[in-house]
């Protein structure tokens, strides 16, 4: 899929070039809406000692919603940049994000306001505390 998106005639090529995976990236293909359903994602995240997820994608009221609830049930901290997903219309998108904030404990912010160094520092501190126990 990535190779196809990198072909010279593809309109999305400049975007895909910027996020092109490298040899250290992992791929998890999902057969349904949730990134956890029938995938090795949970095992991979546990192996990598990941505690925090930043969810982005096409449909805030479908794939993002079910993935966020599955992640919440597994104890992950969840961040959802409000401008990195969408729905069929703005109303559905807003409703989905409000529901995820209220019911899945998702932290909502615009992508430009995400404080990645702070999020990483918090996750590292949590991992050190767990290791000390």
Protein backbone atom coordinates (compact mmCIF):
# COMPACT_ATOMS: atom_id res chain seq x y z
CA UNK A 1 0.00 0.00 0.00
CA UNK A 2 2.82 2.38 0.88
CA UNK A 3 4.57 1.62 -2.41
CA UNK A 4 1.39 2.42 -4.30
CA UNK A 5 1.01 5.73 -2.48
CA UNK A 6 4.60 6.65 -3.35
CA UNK A 7 4.03 6.34 -7.10
CA UNK A 8 4.65 9.60 -8.94
CA UNK A 9 1.02 10.09 -10.06
CA UNK A 10 -0.51 9.71 -6.57
CA UNK A 11 -1.87 12.93 -5.08
CA UNK A 12 -0.99 11.83 -1.54
CA UNK A 13 2.66 11.16 -2.32
CA UNK A 14 4.08 14.26 -0.54
CA UNK A 15 2.23 13.30 2.65
CA UNK A 16 3.22 9.63 2.50
CA UNK A 17 6.87 10.56 1.89
CA UNK A 18 6.86 12.47 5.19
CA UNK A 19 5.47 9.56 7.21
CA UNK A 20 7.14 6.73 5.28
CA UNK A 21 7.88 3.80 7.59
CA UNK A 22 11.47 2.73 8.09
CA UNK A 23 13.10 -0.54 9.14
CA UNK A 24 12.32 0.04 12.83
CA UNK A 25 8.57 0.53 12.33
CA UNK A 26 6.02 -2.19 13.04
CA UNK A 27 3.00 -3.02 10.90
CA UNK A 28 -0.26 -4.35 12.32
CA UNK A 29 -2.97 -5.00 9.76
CA UNK A 30 -6.46 -4.78 11.22
CA UNK A 31 -9.32 -6.79 9.73
CA UNK A 32 -12.11 -4.81 11.41
CA UNK A 33 -12.74 -1.44 13.06
CA UNK A 34 -10.68 -1.85 16.22
CA UNK A 35 -6.90 -1.99 15.97
CA UNK A 36 -7.02 -4.57 18.79
CA UNK A 37 -9.61 -6.96 17.32
CA UNK A 38 -7.92 -10.14 16.00
CA UNK A 39 -4.50 -8.47 15.80
CA UNK A 40 -1.25 -8.88 17.74
CA UNK A 41 -1.33 -5.19 18.74
CA UNK A 42 -1.86 -5.73 22.47
CA UNK A 43 1.00 -8.25 22.68
CA UNK A 44 3.29 -5.92 20.72
CA UNK A 45 2.45 -2.90 22.91
CA UNK A 46 3.03 -4.92 26.08
CA UNK A 47 6.37 -6.18 24.73
CA UNK A 48 7.41 -2.60 23.92
CA UNK A 49 6.14 -1.43 27.35
CA UNK A 50 3.85 1.15 25.75
CA UNK A 51 1.38 2.80 28.11
CA UNK A 52 0.20 5.77 26.05
CA UNK A 53 -1.46 5.79 22.64
CA UNK A 54 -2.09 8.68 20.26
CA UNK A 55 -4.98 7.66 18.02
CA UNK A 56 -5.45 9.10 14.55
CA UNK A 57 -7.30 7.83 11.51
CA UNK A 58 -10.17 8.27 9.15
CA UNK A 59 -13.33 7.80 11.14
CA UNK A 60 -13.61 9.27 14.62
CA UNK A 61 -17.07 7.76 15.09
CA UNK A 62 -16.09 4.25 14.00
CA UNK A 63 -12.49 2.98 14.01
CA UNK A 64 -11.15 5.60 16.43
CA UNK A 65 -14.11 5.03 18.78
CA UNK A 66 -13.83 1.25 19.03
CA UNK A 67 -10.03 1.33 19.22
CA UNK A 68 -10.18 3.96 21.98
CA UNK A 69 -12.64 1.90 24.02
CA UNK A 70 -10.55 -1.25 23.54
CA UNK A 71 -7.42 0.67 24.58
CA UNK A 72 -9.17 2.13 27.61
CA UNK A 73 -10.33 -1.34 28.73
CA UNK A 74 -6.70 -2.45 28.53
CA UNK A 75 -5.50 0.45 30.69
CA UNK A 76 -3.75 2.59 28.08
CA UNK A 77 -3.64 6.37 28.35
CA UNK A 78 -5.28 7.78 25.23
CA UNK A 79 -4.67 10.99 23.31
CA UNK A 80 -6.79 11.86 20.29
CA UNK A 81 -5.75 14.90 18.25
CA UNK A 82 -9.11 16.33 17.22
CA UNK A 83 -7.80 17.44 13.82
CA UNK A 84 -6.32 14.05 12.88
CA UNK A 85 -9.54 12.17 12.22
CA UNK A 86 -12.96 12.91 10.77
CA UNK A 87 -16.47 11.57 10.29
CA UNK A 88 -19.15 11.96 7.64
CA UNK A 89 -19.82 15.44 8.95
CA UNK A 90 -18.63 17.85 11.65
CA UNK A 91 -21.53 17.06 13.99
CA UNK A 92 -20.76 13.32 14.04
CA UNK A 93 -17.05 14.05 14.54
CA UNK A 94 -17.71 16.38 17.48
CA UNK A 95 -20.18 13.95 19.07
CA UNK A 96 -17.69 11.07 18.77
CA UNK A 97 -14.86 13.06 20.34
CA UNK A 98 -17.05 14.31 23.19
CA UNK A 99 -18.20 10.75 23.87
CA UNK A 100 -14.62 9.46 23.87
CA UNK A 101 -13.50 12.14 26.28
CA UNK A 102 -16.38 11.38 28.66
CA UNK A 103 -16.53 7.58 28.41
CA UNK A 104 -13.04 6.41 27.42
CA UNK A 105 -11.02 9.02 29.27
CA UNK A 106 -9.46 10.28 26.06
CA UNK A 107 -7.36 13.42 26.19
CA UNK A 108 -8.46 15.67 23.33
CA UNK A 109 -6.37 18.41 21.80
CA UNK A 110 -5.37 19.70 18.39
CA UNK A 111 -2.28 18.07 16.93
CA UNK A 112 -0.37 21.35 17.10
CA UNK A 113 -1.04 21.49 20.85
CA UNK A 114 0.15 17.97 21.67
CA UNK A 115 3.09 18.22 24.03
CA UNK A 116 4.96 15.12 22.86
CA UNK A 117 8.04 15.64 25.08
CA UNK A 118 5.75 15.91 28.11
CA UNK A 119 3.72 12.84 27.11
CA UNK A 120 6.92 10.84 26.59
CA UNK A 121 8.41 12.04 29.88
CA UNK A 122 5.24 11.06 31.78
CA UNK A 123 5.26 7.59 30.19
CA UNK A 124 8.94 7.10 31.00
CA UNK A 125 8.41 8.17 34.61
CA UNK A 126 5.53 5.71 34.91
CA UNK A 127 7.68 2.89 33.49
CA UNK A 128 10.50 3.64 35.96
CA UNK A 129 8.02 3.64 38.85
CA UNK A 130 6.62 0.28 37.71
CA UNK A 131 10.13 -1.17 37.42
CA UNK A 132 11.00 -0.01 40.95
CA UNK A 133 8.01 -1.85 42.46
